[in-house]
N, C-alpha and C. Protein backbone atom coordinates (compact mmCIF):
# COMPACT_ATOMS: atom_id res chain seq x y z
N UNK A 1 7.62 21.36 -2.11
CA UNK A 1 7.92 22.40 -3.39
C UNK A 1 6.95 22.88 -4.14
N UNK A 2 6.53 23.81 -4.49
CA UNK A 2 5.58 24.75 -5.11
C UNK A 2 5.69 24.75 -6.36
N UNK A 3 4.70 24.14 -7.26
CA UNK A 3 4.53 24.49 -9.24
C UNK A 3 3.20 25.58 -9.23
N UNK A 4 3.89 26.42 -9.83
CA UNK A 4 3.67 27.49 -10.01
C UNK A 4 3.61 27.88 -11.96
N UNK A 5 3.71 27.04 -12.41
CA UNK A 5 4.14 27.48 -13.98
C UNK A 5 4.23 26.31 -14.91
N UNK A 6 3.43 26.86 -16.11
CA UNK A 6 3.43 25.80 -17.20
C UNK A 6 4.96 24.89 -17.33
N UNK A 7 6.16 25.49 -17.11
CA UNK A 7 7.49 24.92 -17.29
C UNK A 7 7.30 24.03 -16.07
N UNK A 8 6.84 24.39 -15.12
CA UNK A 8 7.00 23.26 -13.67
C UNK A 8 6.19 21.76 -14.20
N UNK A 9 5.02 22.26 -14.78
CA UNK A 9 4.34 20.86 -15.44
C UNK A 9 4.75 20.43 -16.21
N UNK A 10 5.42 20.87 -17.39
CA UNK A 10 5.82 20.05 -18.64
C UNK A 10 7.36 19.44 -18.13
N UNK A 11 7.98 19.90 -17.09
CA UNK A 11 9.28 19.24 -16.46
C UNK A 11 8.98 17.98 -16.09
N UNK A 12 7.77 17.69 -15.86
CA UNK A 12 7.58 16.37 -15.25
C UNK A 12 6.75 15.38 -16.29
N UNK A 13 6.88 15.85 -17.55
CA UNK A 13 6.67 15.20 -18.56
C UNK A 13 7.78 14.43 -19.88
N UNK A 14 7.71 13.47 -20.11
CA UNK A 14 8.87 12.65 -21.06
C UNK A 14 8.09 12.94 -22.06
N UNK A 15 8.42 14.36 -22.56
CA UNK A 15 8.13 14.91 -23.85
C UNK A 15 9.04 14.09 -24.97
N UNK A 16 8.04 13.70 -25.86
CA UNK A 16 8.43 12.72 -27.25
C UNK A 16 8.37 13.74 -28.72
N UNK A 17 7.97 12.90 -29.71
CA UNK A 17 7.54 13.63 -31.05
C UNK A 17 6.27 13.97 -30.79
N UNK A 18 6.09 14.60 -31.49
CA UNK A 18 4.53 14.90 -31.41
C UNK A 18 3.57 14.16 -31.67
N UNK A 19 3.90 12.88 -32.75
CA UNK A 19 2.71 11.95 -32.62
C UNK A 19 2.79 10.97 -31.55
N UNK A 20 3.83 11.15 -30.61
CA UNK A 20 3.89 10.33 -29.69
C UNK A 20 3.18 10.43 -28.25
N UNK A 21 2.98 9.62 -27.42
CA UNK A 21 2.27 9.98 -26.08
C UNK A 21 3.51 10.37 -25.33
N UNK A 22 3.29 11.55 -24.55
CA UNK A 22 4.17 12.20 -23.65
C UNK A 22 3.88 11.67 -22.05
N UNK A 23 4.69 10.79 -21.92
CA UNK A 23 4.30 10.13 -20.49
C UNK A 23 4.53 11.15 -19.22
N UNK A 24 3.53 10.76 -18.39
CA UNK A 24 3.76 11.91 -17.07
C UNK A 24 4.83 11.12 -16.27
N UNK A 25 5.87 11.69 -15.93
CA UNK A 25 6.50 11.06 -15.26
C UNK A 25 6.79 11.41 -13.31
N UNK A 26 5.79 12.22 -13.15
CA UNK A 26 5.85 12.28 -11.60
C UNK A 26 4.49 11.31 -10.87
N UNK A 27 3.68 11.56 -10.41
CA UNK A 27 2.54 11.29 -9.49
C UNK A 27 1.40 10.80 -10.02
N UNK A 28 1.13 9.16 -10.07
CA UNK A 28 -0.24 8.43 -10.90
C UNK A 28 -0.96 8.11 -9.95
N UNK A 29 -2.09 7.72 -10.32
CA UNK A 29 -3.51 7.51 -9.70
C UNK A 29 -3.21 6.12 -9.79
N UNK A 30 -4.55 5.34 -9.08
CA UNK A 30 -4.08 3.82 -9.14
C UNK A 30 -4.52 3.38 -10.51
N UNK A 31 -5.08 4.29 -11.13
CA UNK A 31 -5.76 3.97 -12.50
C UNK A 31 -4.81 4.41 -13.60
N UNK A 32 -3.43 4.78 -13.28
CA UNK A 32 -2.50 5.07 -13.80
C UNK A 32 -2.75 6.72 -14.52
N UNK A 33 -3.40 7.49 -13.87
CA UNK A 33 -3.35 9.15 -14.78
C UNK A 33 -2.85 9.74 -13.54
N UNK A 34 -1.94 10.97 -14.56
CA UNK A 34 -1.22 11.25 -13.84
C UNK A 34 -1.88 12.61 -13.06
N UNK A 35 -1.16 13.31 -11.90
CA UNK A 35 -1.92 14.14 -11.18
C UNK A 35 -0.69 15.19 -10.81
N UNK A 36 -1.46 16.59 -10.58
CA UNK A 36 -0.25 17.61 -10.38
C UNK A 36 -1.33 18.92 -9.44
N UNK A 37 -0.23 19.37 -8.91
CA UNK A 37 -0.96 20.38 -7.92
C UNK A 37 -0.05 21.88 -8.38
N UNK A 38 -0.81 22.91 -9.04
CA UNK A 38 -0.69 24.24 -9.08
C UNK A 38 -1.28 25.32 -8.63
N UNK A 39 -0.66 25.92 -7.77
CA UNK A 39 -1.49 27.04 -6.92
C UNK A 39 -2.60 26.76 -5.83
N UNK A 40 -2.18 25.34 -5.28
CA UNK A 40 -3.27 25.00 -4.28
C UNK A 40 -3.90 24.11 -5.39
N UNK A 41 -3.95 23.74 -6.25
CA UNK A 41 -5.31 23.35 -6.55
C UNK A 41 -4.25 21.78 -7.40
N UNK A 42 -5.05 20.55 -7.01
CA UNK A 42 -4.77 19.37 -7.61
C UNK A 42 -5.78 19.22 -8.71
N UNK A 43 -5.37 18.66 -9.66
CA UNK A 43 -6.16 18.15 -11.02
C UNK A 43 -5.64 17.06 -11.69
N UNK A 44 -5.96 16.03 -12.27
CA UNK A 44 -5.32 15.19 -13.33
C UNK A 44 -4.41 15.70 -14.14
N UNK A 45 -3.21 15.39 -14.61
CA UNK A 45 -1.98 16.20 -14.96
C UNK A 45 -2.66 16.60 -17.15
N UNK A 46 -3.49 15.47 -17.70
CA UNK A 46 -4.19 15.66 -18.62
C UNK A 46 -5.08 16.49 -18.58
N UNK A 47 -5.50 16.91 -17.44
CA UNK A 47 -6.45 18.46 -17.97
C UNK A 47 -5.92 19.55 -17.47
N UNK A 48 -4.45 19.62 -16.74
CA UNK A 48 -3.62 20.82 -17.09
C UNK A 48 -3.06 20.80 -18.28
N UNK A 49 -2.58 19.40 -18.77
CA UNK A 49 -2.12 19.81 -20.57
C UNK A 49 -3.06 20.46 -21.39
N UNK A 50 -4.18 20.07 -21.16
CA UNK A 50 -5.31 21.25 -22.32
C UNK A 50 -5.33 22.62 -21.97
N UNK A 51 -4.89 22.64 -20.21
CA UNK A 51 -5.28 24.59 -20.33
C UNK A 51 -4.28 25.07 -20.67
N UNK A 52 -2.64 24.35 -20.45
CA UNK A 52 -1.71 24.75 -20.90
C UNK A 52 -1.53 24.93 -22.42
N UNK A 53 -2.13 24.21 -23.10
CA UNK A 53 -2.98 24.23 -24.88
C UNK A 53 -3.71 24.94 -24.88
N UNK A 54 -4.45 25.84 -24.06
CA UNK A 54 -4.86 27.23 -24.57
C UNK A 54 -6.45 26.65 -24.54
N UNK A 55 -6.44 25.52 -23.85
CA UNK A 55 -8.02 25.24 -23.96
C UNK A 55 -8.55 25.38 -22.73
N UNK A 56 -10.03 25.02 -22.46
CA UNK A 56 -10.63 25.23 -21.05
C UNK A 56 -11.40 23.61 -21.10
N UNK A 57 -10.99 23.07 -19.77
CA UNK A 57 -12.01 22.00 -19.93
C UNK A 57 -12.93 21.84 -18.63
N UNK A 58 -13.53 23.19 -18.33
CA UNK A 58 -14.18 23.54 -17.09
C UNK A 58 -15.60 22.84 -17.27
N UNK A 59 -16.02 21.87 -16.59
CA UNK A 59 -17.39 21.14 -16.82
C UNK A 59 -17.55 20.17 -17.84
N UNK A 60 -16.79 20.12 -18.32
CA UNK A 60 -16.39 18.82 -19.61
C UNK A 60 -14.79 17.68 -18.98
N UNK A 61 -14.96 16.80 -19.47
CA UNK A 61 -14.04 15.70 -19.52
C UNK A 61 -12.89 15.79 -20.48
N UNK A 62 -11.61 15.20 -20.02
CA UNK A 62 -10.53 15.27 -21.50
C UNK A 62 -10.41 14.00 -21.73
N UNK A 63 -10.49 13.39 -22.97
CA UNK A 63 -10.27 12.31 -23.21
C UNK A 63 -8.97 11.81 -23.70
N UNK A 64 -8.22 10.82 -23.67
CA UNK A 64 -7.01 10.34 -24.50
C UNK A 64 -7.61 9.64 -25.93
N UNK A 65 -7.39 10.20 -26.80
CA UNK A 65 -7.54 9.25 -28.50
C UNK A 65 -6.41 8.14 -28.12
N UNK A 66 -5.50 8.11 -27.25
CA UNK A 66 -4.62 7.12 -27.39
C UNK A 66 -4.99 5.99 -26.50
N UNK A 67 -5.79 6.18 -25.47
CA UNK A 67 -6.08 5.44 -24.46
C UNK A 67 -5.08 4.96 -23.37
N UNK A 68 -4.11 6.01 -23.40
CA UNK A 68 -3.06 6.03 -22.31
C UNK A 68 -3.07 6.86 -21.17
N UNK A 69 -3.76 6.68 -20.12
CA UNK A 69 -4.18 7.78 -18.59
C UNK A 69 -2.97 8.30 -18.20
N UNK A 70 -1.70 7.82 -18.66
CA UNK A 70 -0.46 8.60 -18.45
C UNK A 70 0.04 9.82 -19.59
N UNK A 71 -0.62 9.72 -20.80
CA UNK A 71 0.14 10.75 -21.88
C UNK A 71 -0.80 11.96 -21.33
N UNK A 72 0.27 12.60 -21.80
CA UNK A 72 0.03 14.40 -21.55
C UNK A 72 0.28 15.23 -22.86
N UNK A 73 0.17 14.28 -23.98
CA UNK A 73 0.31 15.22 -25.00
C UNK A 73 -0.93 15.99 -25.73
N UNK A 74 -1.09 17.13 -25.86
CA UNK A 74 -2.13 17.73 -25.90
C UNK A 74 -2.77 17.53 -26.99
N UNK A 75 -1.95 16.68 -28.62
CA UNK A 75 -2.51 16.31 -29.81
C UNK A 75 -3.40 14.79 -29.49
N UNK A 76 -3.28 14.20 -28.33
CA UNK A 76 -3.71 12.98 -28.09
C UNK A 76 -4.95 13.61 -27.07
N UNK A 77 -5.28 14.58 -26.83
CA UNK A 77 -6.37 14.75 -25.70
C UNK A 77 -7.76 15.73 -26.56
N UNK A 78 -8.60 15.62 -26.20
CA UNK A 78 -9.93 16.07 -27.12
C UNK A 78 -11.24 16.45 -25.74
N UNK A 79 -11.55 17.41 -25.54
CA UNK A 79 -12.86 17.69 -24.76
C UNK A 79 -14.14 17.41 -25.05
N UNK A 80 -14.82 16.83 -24.46
CA UNK A 80 -16.19 16.42 -24.25
C UNK A 80 -17.21 16.41 -23.15
N UNK A 81 -18.01 15.65 -23.50
CA UNK A 81 -19.01 15.85 -22.74
C UNK A 81 -18.76 14.42 -22.22
N UNK A 82 -19.28 13.74 -20.91
CA UNK A 82 -19.36 12.64 -20.29
C UNK A 82 -20.18 11.66 -21.22
N UNK A 83 -21.12 11.99 -21.97
CA UNK A 83 -21.60 11.31 -22.60
C UNK A 83 -20.97 10.84 -23.91
N UNK A 84 -19.87 11.53 -24.60
CA UNK A 84 -19.03 11.55 -25.66
C UNK A 84 -18.00 10.28 -24.72
N UNK A 85 -17.53 10.69 -24.03
CA UNK A 85 -16.41 9.76 -23.32
C UNK A 85 -17.38 8.12 -22.77
N UNK A 86 -18.39 7.94 -22.48
CA UNK A 86 -19.08 6.49 -22.53
C UNK A 86 -19.06 6.03 -24.11
N UNK A 87 -19.64 6.89 -24.76
CA UNK A 87 -19.34 6.30 -26.12
C UNK A 87 -18.26 5.97 -26.56
N UNK A 88 -17.10 6.84 -26.42
CA UNK A 88 -15.94 6.40 -27.16
C UNK A 88 -15.89 4.91 -26.06
N UNK A 89 -15.93 5.00 -24.99
CA UNK A 89 -15.56 3.24 -24.28
C UNK A 89 -16.19 2.29 -24.98
N UNK A 90 -17.53 2.65 -25.41
CA UNK A 90 -18.30 1.46 -25.71
C UNK A 90 -17.72 1.43 -27.54
N UNK A 91 -17.34 2.15 -27.98
CA UNK A 91 -16.95 1.80 -29.16
C UNK A 91 -15.44 1.24 -29.78
N UNK A 92 -14.68 1.41 -28.55
CA UNK A 92 -13.26 0.98 -28.21
C UNK A 92 -13.73 -0.24 -27.55
N UNK A 93 -14.66 -0.91 -27.47
CA UNK A 93 -14.70 -1.96 -26.35
C UNK A 93 -14.23 -2.23 -25.26
N UNK A 94 -13.87 -0.69 -24.56
CA UNK A 94 -13.44 -0.53 -23.13
C UNK A 94 -14.56 -0.65 -21.89
N UNK A 95 -15.57 -0.65 -22.54
CA UNK A 95 -16.54 -0.66 -21.42
C UNK A 95 -16.90 -1.36 -20.39
N UNK A 96 -17.23 -1.57 -19.06
CA UNK A 96 -17.74 -2.52 -18.12
C UNK A 96 -18.35 -2.08 -17.19
N UNK A 97 -19.73 -2.30 -17.15
CA UNK A 97 -20.57 -2.14 -16.13
C UNK A 97 -20.29 -2.56 -15.04
N UNK A 98 -21.16 -2.37 -13.98
CA UNK A 98 -20.32 -2.87 -12.63
C UNK A 98 -20.60 -4.20 -12.38
N UNK A 99 -21.63 -4.53 -13.25
CA UNK A 99 -21.93 -6.23 -13.12
C UNK A 99 -20.94 -7.20 -14.11
N UNK A 100 -19.98 -6.34 -14.81
CA UNK A 100 -19.10 -7.20 -15.40
C UNK A 100 -17.67 -7.20 -15.01
N UNK A 101 -17.28 -8.07 -15.18
CA UNK A 101 -15.71 -8.09 -14.28
C UNK A 101 -14.39 -8.01 -15.90
N UNK A 102 -15.13 -8.33 -16.94
CA UNK A 102 -14.45 -8.29 -18.30
C UNK A 102 -14.97 -7.51 -19.39
N UNK A 103 -14.11 -6.63 -20.27
CA UNK A 103 -14.50 -5.76 -21.05
C UNK A 103 -14.64 -6.73 -22.58
N UNK A 104 -15.41 -6.22 -23.27
CA UNK A 104 -15.64 -6.51 -24.69
C UNK A 104 -14.41 -7.49 -25.34
N UNK A 105 -13.21 -6.20 -25.48
CA UNK A 105 -11.96 -7.06 -25.98
C UNK A 105 -11.51 -8.17 -24.89
N UNK A 106 -11.78 -8.05 -24.06
CA UNK A 106 -11.08 -9.19 -23.23
C UNK A 106 -11.91 -10.46 -23.35
N UNK A 107 -13.35 -10.45 -23.25
CA UNK A 107 -14.05 -11.37 -23.47
C UNK A 107 -13.86 -12.32 -25.21
N UNK A 108 -13.92 -11.28 -26.31
CA UNK A 108 -13.15 -11.85 -27.37
C UNK A 108 -11.68 -12.39 -27.25
N UNK A 109 -11.03 -11.61 -26.75
CA UNK A 109 -9.50 -12.67 -26.71
C UNK A 109 -9.66 -14.04 -25.96
N UNK A 110 -10.39 -14.51 -24.75
CA UNK A 110 -10.86 -15.26 -24.41
C UNK A 110 -11.30 -16.48 -25.27
N UNK A 111 -12.05 -15.88 -25.68
CA UNK A 111 -12.92 -16.73 -27.12
C UNK A 111 -11.99 -17.38 -28.46
N UNK A 112 -11.18 -16.82 -28.45
CA UNK A 112 -9.90 -16.63 -29.51
C UNK A 112 -8.62 -17.47 -28.79
N UNK A 113 -8.68 -17.52 -27.80
CA UNK A 113 -7.09 -18.12 -27.32
C UNK A 113 -7.26 -19.42 -27.11
N UNK A 114 -6.33 -20.47 -27.36
CA UNK A 114 -5.92 -21.71 -27.65
C UNK A 114 -5.27 -21.90 -26.45
N UNK A 115 -5.40 -20.84 -25.46
CA UNK A 115 -4.58 -21.46 -23.92
C UNK A 115 -5.38 -22.55 -23.00
N UNK A 116 -5.17 -23.34 -22.33
CA UNK A 116 -6.16 -23.73 -21.62
C UNK A 116 -6.99 -23.46 -20.22
N UNK A 117 -8.30 -23.74 -20.08
CA UNK A 117 -9.21 -23.05 -18.89
C UNK A 117 -8.18 -22.00 -17.77
N UNK A 118 -7.29 -23.29 -17.07
CA UNK A 118 -6.40 -22.93 -16.08
C UNK A 118 -5.76 -21.95 -16.51
N UNK A 119 -5.04 -21.48 -17.40
CA UNK A 119 -4.07 -20.29 -18.19
C UNK A 119 -4.85 -19.00 -18.64
N UNK A 120 -6.14 -19.38 -18.92
CA UNK A 120 -6.83 -18.24 -18.93
C UNK A 120 -7.52 -17.41 -17.76
N UNK A 121 -8.19 -18.53 -17.08
CA UNK A 121 -8.56 -18.18 -15.60
C UNK A 121 -6.72 -17.13 -14.89
N UNK A 122 -5.57 -17.70 -14.62
CA UNK A 122 -4.85 -17.04 -14.52
C UNK A 122 -4.79 -15.36 -14.88
N UNK A 123 -4.73 -15.81 -16.26
CA UNK A 123 -4.27 -14.68 -17.00
C UNK A 123 -5.20 -13.37 -17.34
N UNK A 124 -6.76 -13.86 -16.71
CA UNK A 124 -7.93 -12.50 -16.93
C UNK A 124 -8.36 -12.74 -15.67
N UNK A 125 -7.35 -13.42 -14.35
CA UNK A 125 -7.94 -13.32 -13.10
C UNK A 125 -9.47 -13.66 -12.84
N UNK A 126 -9.68 -14.95 -13.50
CA UNK A 126 -11.25 -15.38 -13.31
C UNK A 126 -11.02 -17.04 -13.22
N UNK A 127 -12.06 -17.40 -12.90
CA UNK A 127 -12.12 -19.05 -12.23
C UNK A 127 -12.42 -20.07 -13.68
N UNK A 128 -11.70 -21.22 -13.50
CA UNK A 128 -11.42 -21.72 -14.56
C UNK A 128 -12.82 -22.23 -15.50
N UNK A 129 -13.88 -22.15 -14.47
CA UNK A 129 -15.33 -22.31 -14.67
C UNK A 129 -15.68 -21.48 -15.33
N UNK A 130 -15.65 -20.29 -15.46
CA UNK A 130 -16.19 -19.15 -15.85
C UNK A 130 -15.22 -18.97 -16.99
N UNK A 131 -14.11 -19.19 -17.35
CA UNK A 131 -13.35 -19.17 -18.44
C UNK A 131 -14.05 -19.83 -19.44
N UNK A 132 -14.32 -21.51 -18.87
CA UNK A 132 -15.41 -22.16 -19.94
C UNK A 132 -16.73 -21.50 -20.10
N UNK A 133 -17.33 -21.01 -19.72
CA UNK A 133 -18.23 -20.60 -19.70
C UNK A 133 -18.15 -19.43 -21.09
N UNK A 134 -17.29 -18.61 -20.36
CA UNK A 134 -16.94 -17.50 -21.60
C UNK A 134 -16.69 -18.08 -23.03
N UNK A 135 -15.94 -18.65 -23.16
CA UNK A 135 -15.47 -19.99 -24.21
C UNK A 135 -16.94 -20.35 -24.82
N UNK A 136 -17.62 -21.19 -24.02
CA UNK A 136 -18.96 -21.67 -24.52
C UNK A 136 -19.85 -20.86 -24.92
N UNK A 137 -19.76 -19.75 -24.73
CA UNK A 137 -20.97 -18.40 -25.08
C UNK A 137 -21.99 -18.61 -24.23
N UNK A 138 -21.86 -19.25 -22.74
CA UNK A 138 -23.03 -19.12 -21.86
C UNK A 138 -22.72 -18.04 -21.32
N UNK A 139 -21.89 -17.09 -20.75
CA UNK A 139 -21.02 -16.02 -20.26
C UNK A 139 -21.25 -15.00 -21.42
N UNK A 140 -21.87 -13.93 -21.31
CA UNK A 140 -21.75 -12.49 -22.06
C UNK A 140 -22.06 -13.01 -23.55
N UNK A 141 -23.18 -13.59 -23.90
CA UNK A 141 -23.94 -13.67 -24.79
C UNK A 141 -24.09 -12.44 -25.66
N UNK A 142 -23.94 -11.50 -25.16
CA UNK A 142 -24.54 -10.34 -25.87
C UNK A 142 -23.01 -9.50 -26.41
N UNK A 143 -21.82 -10.65 -26.34
CA UNK A 143 -20.72 -9.94 -27.02
C UNK A 143 -20.16 -10.89 -28.40
N UNK A 144 -20.31 -10.10 -29.22
CA UNK A 144 -20.22 -11.08 -30.67
C UNK A 144 -18.97 -11.47 -30.86
């Protein structure tokens, strides 16, 4: 099937109230971002949403203020630089370096958890020993 219009695009979104996330209902990447092909050009659906909203994301990144990768609500999408995106990830505790398995938010959740090390390990896909090291502040000393 060929998609060539904005209407074809919006037919693939579950459009709700203006303040809600509008979930992309078609193809998703392994990271949960929607994808859409129009006029032989594949692009992530949130990028198309900004175009249909009259904004040009060329050479920039499109960021979700809602942190929902499947959202295509233009009100939840801002255009910025990759540096803006990295700063946003750090500010929201979602940043993971290649050496880190867990985000700052996950580390804080482990430290506050009252579950056993076995249960924490299962929940976060880490070893019991690693869960212990995080709770004892041996691992991730930089996370407050």
